[in-house]
Amino acid sequence: MWRARAGAATAVALAVLAAPALAGCGLGAGPAPTAVKLLVTRDFGTGTLRGSTSPKVAGSETVMSLLMRNARVQTRFAGGFVQSIDGIAGGHRDGEPADWFYYVNGVEASEGAAETDLHPGDHVWWDLHDWSQTEHIPAVVGSFPEPFLNGTGGKRLPVRIECESVSGSACRAVDAELHRLGVPAAISAPGGGPAGHTLRVLVAAFATVGAEPAAQALLGGPRASGVYARFAAGGHALVLLDADGRVVRTLEAGAGLIAATMREGEAPVWLVTGTDPAGVALAARSFTAAALGGRFALAAAAGRTWPLPVVGG
């Protein structure tokens, strides 16, 4: 995550959003990107402020220029920090820091908003949230079917589904959904090849893939993974957290989780996992845009789902 500090201001989103003010308003040469989407939310996606599948675009847009063309934006620090969108400002709430962050195709910003060019099909998501528990949420699931359709930085990524049971219902459900979307995917057992720039989907009980670096990160909660949940009891319990990192609920048999995380220099890794095969199957049934839209991560058990972090129990 690209970030910087500015005096007594918040310590995380400043340089992520940094850009000269005029750069956000200007137009570059070239055709406008097509099929771009814009979503503006607060509190980890629980409140939608603005959403458009056909925002106004013109010329060679950047993330900043797209936002400024479609919303009322106030900046600070010579235009280097988005302070408010549509009158909703960052700062502190209930003593905790809260600021604007942005994601393109479900991947956290790696450079300033005015330096991030838009590509056809990009899904841009701005969210105002509490970052007291982690400054770094590298990937989210709420832009699905991105990044499977259009990848990152304008480059589509190869996709590999790594399944505990390649003939099982969970593996088949994930593969069928990607096939329906026109996304070709290889299928293998977990650890079926190098990661690198391959977009991997791990479909397995946590106890099976717990040695994977992406799964290991889930043991450490949001500071380690960016996901407001962690596995415990050898992977047989899923602990759900609120935005303050407090335990809200512990799910055991039949609990599932869909989350994404990412290591620097690699493609995102998606986890369709759970406390046991029943939990994995339940998670796989939520591998849809309808279930995941606007969610940072999603837990499921006993016919109920919980967007993560949990708000209101």
Protein backbone atom coordinates (compact mmCIF):
# COMPACT_ATOMS: atom_id res chain seq x y z
CA MET A 1 0.00 0.00 0.00
CA TRP A 2 1.38 3.39 -1.01
CA ARG A 3 0.97 5.86 1.82
CA ALA A 4 2.47 8.89 3.57
CA ARG A 5 1.91 11.17 6.50
CA ALA A 6 0.99 14.84 6.57
CA GLY A 7 1.39 16.61 9.89
CA ALA A 8 -1.19 15.51 12.44
CA ALA A 9 -3.44 14.09 9.77
CA THR A 10 -4.37 10.46 9.49
CA ALA A 11 -1.51 8.11 8.82
CA VAL A 12 -2.83 5.87 6.15
CA ALA A 13 -5.03 7.06 3.32
CA LEU A 14 -3.19 10.29 2.59
CA ALA A 15 -0.78 9.35 -0.13
CA VAL A 16 -2.95 6.52 -1.39
CA LEU A 17 -5.30 9.23 -2.54
CA ALA A 18 -2.58 11.72 -3.33
CA ALA A 19 -2.72 13.75 -6.52
CA PRO A 20 -2.44 17.35 -7.58
CA ALA A 21 -5.91 18.86 -7.51
CA LEU A 22 -5.83 19.86 -11.15
CA ALA A 23 -4.80 16.38 -12.22
CA GLY A 24 -8.10 15.10 -10.88
CA CYS A 25 -10.02 17.47 -13.14
CA GLY A 26 -7.99 17.31 -16.30
CA LEU A 27 -8.50 15.14 -19.34
CA GLY A 28 -5.88 13.10 -21.11
CA ALA A 29 -5.78 12.23 -24.76
CA GLY A 30 -7.35 9.05 -25.96
CA PRO A 31 -10.75 7.40 -25.85
CA ALA A 32 -12.75 7.15 -22.65
CA PRO A 33 -12.68 3.72 -20.99
CA THR A 34 -15.88 1.77 -21.44
CA ALA A 35 -18.01 -0.27 -19.00
CA VAL A 36 -16.48 1.42 -15.95
CA LYS A 37 -18.36 1.13 -12.63
CA LEU A 38 -18.19 3.45 -9.63
CA LEU A 39 -19.27 2.60 -6.08
CA VAL A 40 -19.00 4.89 -3.05
CA THR A 41 -19.81 3.41 0.38
CA ARG A 42 -19.05 3.84 4.04
CA ASP A 43 -18.36 1.53 6.98
CA PHE A 44 -16.95 -1.39 5.02
CA GLY A 45 -19.69 -1.30 2.41
CA THR A 46 -22.63 -1.32 4.82
CA GLY A 47 -23.88 2.07 3.64
CA THR A 48 -24.08 2.92 -0.07
CA LEU A 49 -23.66 6.61 -0.88
CA ARG A 50 -23.37 6.43 -4.64
CA GLY A 51 -23.33 3.62 -7.17
CA SER A 52 -23.35 3.68 -10.94
CA THR A 53 -22.81 1.11 -13.66
CA SER A 54 -22.50 3.96 -16.17
CA PRO A 55 -20.73 6.92 -14.53
CA LYS A 56 -19.74 9.94 -16.58
CA VAL A 57 -16.38 9.41 -18.25
CA ALA A 58 -14.38 11.50 -20.72
CA GLY A 59 -10.95 11.05 -22.18
CA SER A 60 -8.26 8.99 -20.51
CA GLU A 61 -9.67 8.89 -17.00
CA THR A 62 -7.89 8.26 -13.73
CA VAL A 63 -9.47 7.10 -10.50
CA MET A 64 -9.37 10.67 -9.20
CA SER A 65 -10.83 12.30 -12.30
CA LEU A 66 -13.63 9.74 -12.43
CA LEU A 67 -14.53 10.46 -8.83
CA MET A 68 -14.42 14.24 -9.28
CA ARG A 69 -16.53 14.01 -12.43
CA ASN A 70 -19.26 12.05 -10.67
CA ALA A 71 -19.31 13.26 -7.04
CA ARG A 72 -18.70 16.33 -4.89
CA VAL A 73 -15.15 15.98 -3.63
CA GLN A 74 -13.22 18.05 -1.11
CA THR A 75 -9.48 17.63 -0.76
CA ARG A 76 -6.78 18.69 1.67
CA PHE A 77 -3.02 19.06 1.54
CA ALA A 78 -2.89 20.78 -1.87
CA GLY A 79 -5.28 18.27 -3.37
CA GLY A 80 -3.30 15.28 -2.16
CA PHE A 81 -5.92 13.82 0.18
CA VAL A 82 -9.61 13.15 -0.39
CA GLN A 83 -11.22 14.60 2.71
CA SER A 84 -14.88 14.18 1.79
CA ILE A 85 -17.13 12.72 -0.87
CA ASP A 86 -20.65 14.09 -1.21
CA GLY A 87 -20.21 15.87 2.12
CA ILE A 88 -19.15 12.75 4.07
CA ALA A 89 -15.75 13.48 5.60
CA GLY A 90 -12.99 11.41 7.09
CA GLY A 91 -11.31 12.15 10.38
CA HIS A 92 -12.15 10.53 13.71
CA ARG A 93 -15.36 8.87 14.87
CA ASP A 94 -15.82 7.63 18.41
CA GLY A 95 -12.13 8.22 18.94
CA GLU A 96 -11.04 6.00 16.04
CA PRO A 97 -9.52 7.11 12.73
CA ALA A 98 -11.68 6.80 9.62
CA ASP A 99 -10.69 7.78 6.09
CA TRP A 100 -11.43 7.19 2.43
CA PHE A 101 -9.77 4.24 0.70
CA TYR A 102 -10.18 3.02 -2.86
CA TYR A 103 -10.00 -0.32 -4.64
CA VAL A 104 -9.89 -1.10 -8.36
CA ASN A 105 -11.33 -4.49 -9.27
CA GLY A 106 -11.20 -5.50 -5.63
CA VAL A 107 -7.51 -4.68 -5.17
CA GLU A 108 -6.28 -2.01 -2.79
CA ALA A 109 -4.61 1.06 -4.28
CA SER A 110 -0.87 0.82 -4.85
CA GLU A 111 -0.39 4.42 -5.94
CA GLY A 112 -2.16 7.76 -5.94
CA ALA A 113 -5.66 8.11 -7.33
CA ALA A 114 -4.55 10.60 -9.98
CA GLU A 115 -1.78 8.25 -11.06
CA THR A 116 -4.03 5.22 -11.46
CA ASP A 117 -5.36 5.03 -15.01
CA LEU A 118 -8.73 3.45 -15.69
CA HIS A 119 -9.12 0.59 -18.12
CA PRO A 120 -12.24 -0.79 -19.79
CA GLY A 121 -14.44 -2.68 -17.34
CA ASP A 122 -12.72 -1.38 -14.20
CA HIS A 123 -14.80 -1.37 -11.02
CA VAL A 124 -13.74 1.54 -8.79
CA TRP A 125 -14.85 1.35 -5.16
CA TRP A 126 -14.31 4.09 -2.58
CA ASP A 127 -15.11 3.29 1.04
CA LEU A 128 -14.88 5.41 4.20
CA HIS A 129 -13.96 3.18 7.12
CA ASP A 130 -12.27 2.79 10.48
CA TRP A 131 -8.65 1.74 10.08
CA SER A 132 -7.76 1.40 13.76
CA GLN A 133 -7.24 -2.36 13.40
CA THR A 134 -5.34 -2.36 10.13
CA GLU A 135 -3.97 0.14 7.67
CA HIS A 136 -3.85 -2.47 4.93
CA ILE A 137 -6.72 -4.43 3.41
CA PRO A 138 -5.02 -5.74 0.27
CA ALA A 139 -8.04 -7.31 -1.45
CA VAL A 140 -11.80 -7.49 -1.06
CA VAL A 141 -14.51 -9.69 -2.60
CA GLY A 142 -17.19 -7.05 -3.11
CA SER A 143 -16.33 -6.16 -6.71
CA PHE A 144 -17.04 -9.71 -7.93
CA PRO A 145 -16.90 -10.77 -10.74
CA GLU A 146 -13.78 -8.64 -10.67
CA PRO A 147 -10.88 -9.22 -10.77
CA PHE A 148 -11.74 -12.44 -12.61
CA LEU A 149 -13.15 -10.68 -15.67
CA ASN A 150 -10.72 -7.81 -16.21
CA GLY A 151 -7.79 -8.53 -13.91
CA THR A 152 -5.61 -5.71 -12.63
CA GLY A 153 -3.95 -2.79 -14.38
CA GLY A 154 -5.82 -3.56 -17.59
CA LYS A 155 -4.39 -7.10 -17.79
CA ARG A 156 -6.57 -10.15 -17.41
CA LEU A 157 -5.09 -12.78 -15.09
CA PRO A 158 -5.00 -16.56 -15.53
CA VAL A 159 -7.28 -18.26 -13.01
CA ARG A 160 -6.70 -21.52 -11.15
CA ILE A 161 -9.24 -23.17 -8.85
CA GLU A 162 -7.47 -25.33 -6.27
CA CYS A 163 -9.91 -27.78 -4.70
CA GLU A 164 -9.74 -30.20 -1.81
CA SER A 165 -12.08 -32.38 -3.89
CA VAL A 166 -11.98 -31.58 -7.60
CA SER A 167 -15.20 -33.56 -8.13
CA GLY A 168 -16.97 -32.15 -5.07
CA SER A 169 -19.99 -29.87 -5.14
CA ALA A 170 -18.08 -26.83 -3.87
CA CYS A 171 -15.44 -27.07 -6.58
CA ARG A 172 -18.08 -27.60 -9.23
CA ALA A 173 -20.11 -24.60 -8.00
CA VAL A 174 -17.14 -22.23 -8.19
CA ASP A 175 -16.09 -23.54 -11.60
CA ALA A 176 -19.66 -23.30 -12.92
CA GLU A 177 -20.01 -19.68 -11.83
CA LEU A 178 -16.75 -18.66 -13.48
CA HIS A 179 -17.71 -20.59 -16.61
CA ARG A 180 -21.05 -18.78 -16.67
CA LEU A 181 -19.18 -15.48 -16.58
CA GLY A 182 -16.93 -16.54 -19.44
CA VAL A 183 -13.84 -16.92 -17.26
CA PRO A 184 -11.69 -19.93 -18.17
CA ALA A 185 -10.08 -21.60 -15.18
CA ALA A 186 -7.75 -24.50 -14.60
CA ILE A 187 -8.60 -26.89 -11.76
CA SER A 188 -6.06 -28.62 -9.55
CA ALA A 189 -5.46 -29.84 -6.02
CA PRO A 190 -4.26 -27.20 -3.53
CA GLY A 191 -0.71 -26.10 -4.26
CA GLY A 192 -1.13 -27.09 -7.90
CA GLY A 193 1.46 -24.66 -9.21
CA PRO A 194 3.30 -21.39 -8.61
CA ALA A 195 1.30 -18.36 -7.55
CA GLY A 196 2.92 -15.29 -9.08
CA HIS A 197 0.42 -13.55 -11.33
CA THR A 198 -2.15 -16.36 -11.33
CA LEU A 199 -5.44 -15.53 -9.61
CA ARG A 200 -5.94 -18.51 -7.31
CA VAL A 201 -9.20 -19.65 -5.68
CA LEU A 202 -8.66 -22.07 -2.80
CA VAL A 203 -11.77 -24.23 -2.32
CA ALA A 204 -11.07 -26.35 0.74
CA ALA A 205 -11.58 -26.65 4.46
CA PHE A 206 -9.18 -24.45 6.37
CA ALA A 207 -7.49 -27.45 7.96
CA THR A 208 -6.53 -28.62 4.46
CA VAL A 209 -5.01 -25.36 3.20
CA GLY A 210 -3.85 -23.87 6.51
CA ALA A 211 -0.19 -24.12 5.47
CA GLU A 212 -0.79 -21.87 2.45
CA PRO A 213 0.57 -18.35 3.12
CA ALA A 214 -2.81 -16.78 2.28
CA ALA A 215 -4.58 -19.10 4.70
CA GLN A 216 -1.90 -18.65 7.34
CA ALA A 217 -2.61 -14.92 7.29
CA LEU A 218 -6.19 -15.62 8.38
CA LEU A 219 -4.89 -16.91 11.71
CA GLY A 220 -3.68 -13.41 12.57
CA GLY A 221 -6.89 -11.46 12.00
CA PRO A 222 -7.14 -8.15 10.12
CA ARG A 223 -3.61 -6.91 10.78
CA ALA A 224 -2.19 -10.00 9.10
CA SER A 225 -4.74 -10.63 6.36
CA GLY A 226 -7.00 -7.60 6.03
CA VAL A 227 -9.93 -9.91 6.85
CA TYR A 228 -12.04 -9.27 9.96
CA ALA A 229 -12.20 -12.92 10.92
CA ARG A 230 -9.75 -15.57 11.98
CA PHE A 231 -9.70 -19.32 12.29
CA ALA A 232 -9.09 -21.03 15.62
CA ALA A 233 -9.15 -24.54 17.13
CA GLY A 234 -7.10 -26.00 14.32
CA GLY A 235 -9.37 -24.48 11.71
CA HIS A 236 -12.56 -25.91 13.21
CA ALA A 237 -13.85 -22.57 14.52
CA LEU A 238 -14.35 -19.30 12.65
CA VAL A 239 -14.19 -16.18 14.80
CA LEU A 240 -16.01 -13.12 13.47
CA LEU A 241 -14.78 -9.65 14.43
CA ASP A 242 -16.22 -6.16 14.40
CA ALA A 243 -14.43 -3.04 13.13
CA ASP A 244 -12.73 -2.61 16.51
CA GLY A 245 -11.31 -6.13 16.37
CA ARG A 246 -13.65 -7.44 19.06
CA VAL A 247 -15.00 -10.98 18.88
CA VAL A 248 -18.68 -10.83 17.95
CA ARG A 249 -19.45 -14.48 17.26
CA THR A 250 -17.69 -17.82 17.01
CA LEU A 251 -18.97 -20.27 14.40
CA GLU A 252 -18.06 -23.92 14.52
CA ALA A 253 -19.39 -26.86 12.47
CA GLY A 254 -20.74 -25.94 9.04
CA ALA A 255 -19.30 -22.41 8.92
CA GLY A 256 -17.95 -20.97 5.68
CA LEU A 257 -15.92 -17.94 4.63
CA ILE A 258 -15.27 -16.14 1.36
CA ALA A 259 -12.38 -13.70 1.58
CA ALA A 260 -9.47 -12.42 -0.46
CA THR A 261 -5.98 -11.42 0.48
CA MET A 262 -2.78 -10.66 -1.38
CA ARG A 263 0.96 -10.54 -0.92
CA GLU A 264 3.02 -7.77 -2.46
CA GLY A 265 4.02 -8.53 -6.03
CA GLU A 266 1.50 -11.35 -6.45
CA ALA A 267 -2.07 -11.68 -7.66
CA PRO A 268 -4.91 -11.89 -5.12
CA VAL A 269 -5.75 -15.24 -3.56
CA TRP A 270 -9.43 -15.93 -2.92
CA LEU A 271 -10.43 -18.37 -0.20
CA VAL A 272 -13.68 -20.28 -0.39
CA THR A 273 -13.11 -22.11 2.85
CA GLY A 274 -14.71 -23.20 6.08
CA THR A 275 -14.50 -25.20 9.26
CA ASP A 276 -15.32 -28.43 7.42
CA PRO A 277 -16.56 -29.61 3.98
CA ALA A 278 -20.12 -28.53 4.79
CA GLY A 279 -18.88 -25.02 5.52
CA VAL A 280 -16.90 -24.95 2.28
CA ALA A 281 -20.01 -26.01 0.34
CA LEU A 282 -21.99 -23.24 2.02
CA ALA A 283 -19.34 -20.68 1.12
CA ALA A 284 -19.26 -21.88 -2.48
CA ARG A 285 -22.99 -21.23 -2.79
CA SER A 286 -22.25 -17.57 -2.01
CA PHE A 287 -19.68 -17.28 -4.79
CA THR A 288 -21.96 -14.93 -6.74
CA ALA A 289 -22.18 -11.20 -7.39
CA ALA A 290 -25.53 -11.07 -5.62
CA ALA A 291 -24.08 -12.44 -2.39
CA LEU A 292 -20.71 -10.70 -2.48
CA GLY A 293 -21.51 -7.28 -3.91
CA GLY A 294 -20.21 -4.48 -1.67
CA ARG A 295 -18.75 -6.89 0.91
CA PHE A 296 -15.18 -6.84 2.14
CA ALA A 297 -15.55 -10.53 3.09
CA LEU A 298 -18.46 -12.82 3.91
CA ALA A 299 -19.07 -15.52 6.51
CA ALA A 300 -21.94 -18.00 6.38
CA ALA A 301 -23.52 -20.59 8.67
CA ALA A 302 -26.91 -22.16 9.30
CA GLY A 303 -28.75 -20.29 6.58
CA ARG A 304 -27.35 -16.89 7.55
CA THR A 305 -24.54 -14.68 6.26
CA TRP A 306 -22.45 -12.01 7.99
CA PRO A 307 -20.65 -9.27 6.04
CA LEU A 308 -17.24 -8.68 7.59
CA PRO A 309 -16.43 -6.86 9.75
CA VAL A 310 -19.65 -7.58 11.62
CA VAL A 311 -21.87 -4.57 12.29
CA GLY A 312 -24.58 -4.92 14.91
CA GLY A 313 -23.97 -8.58 15.90
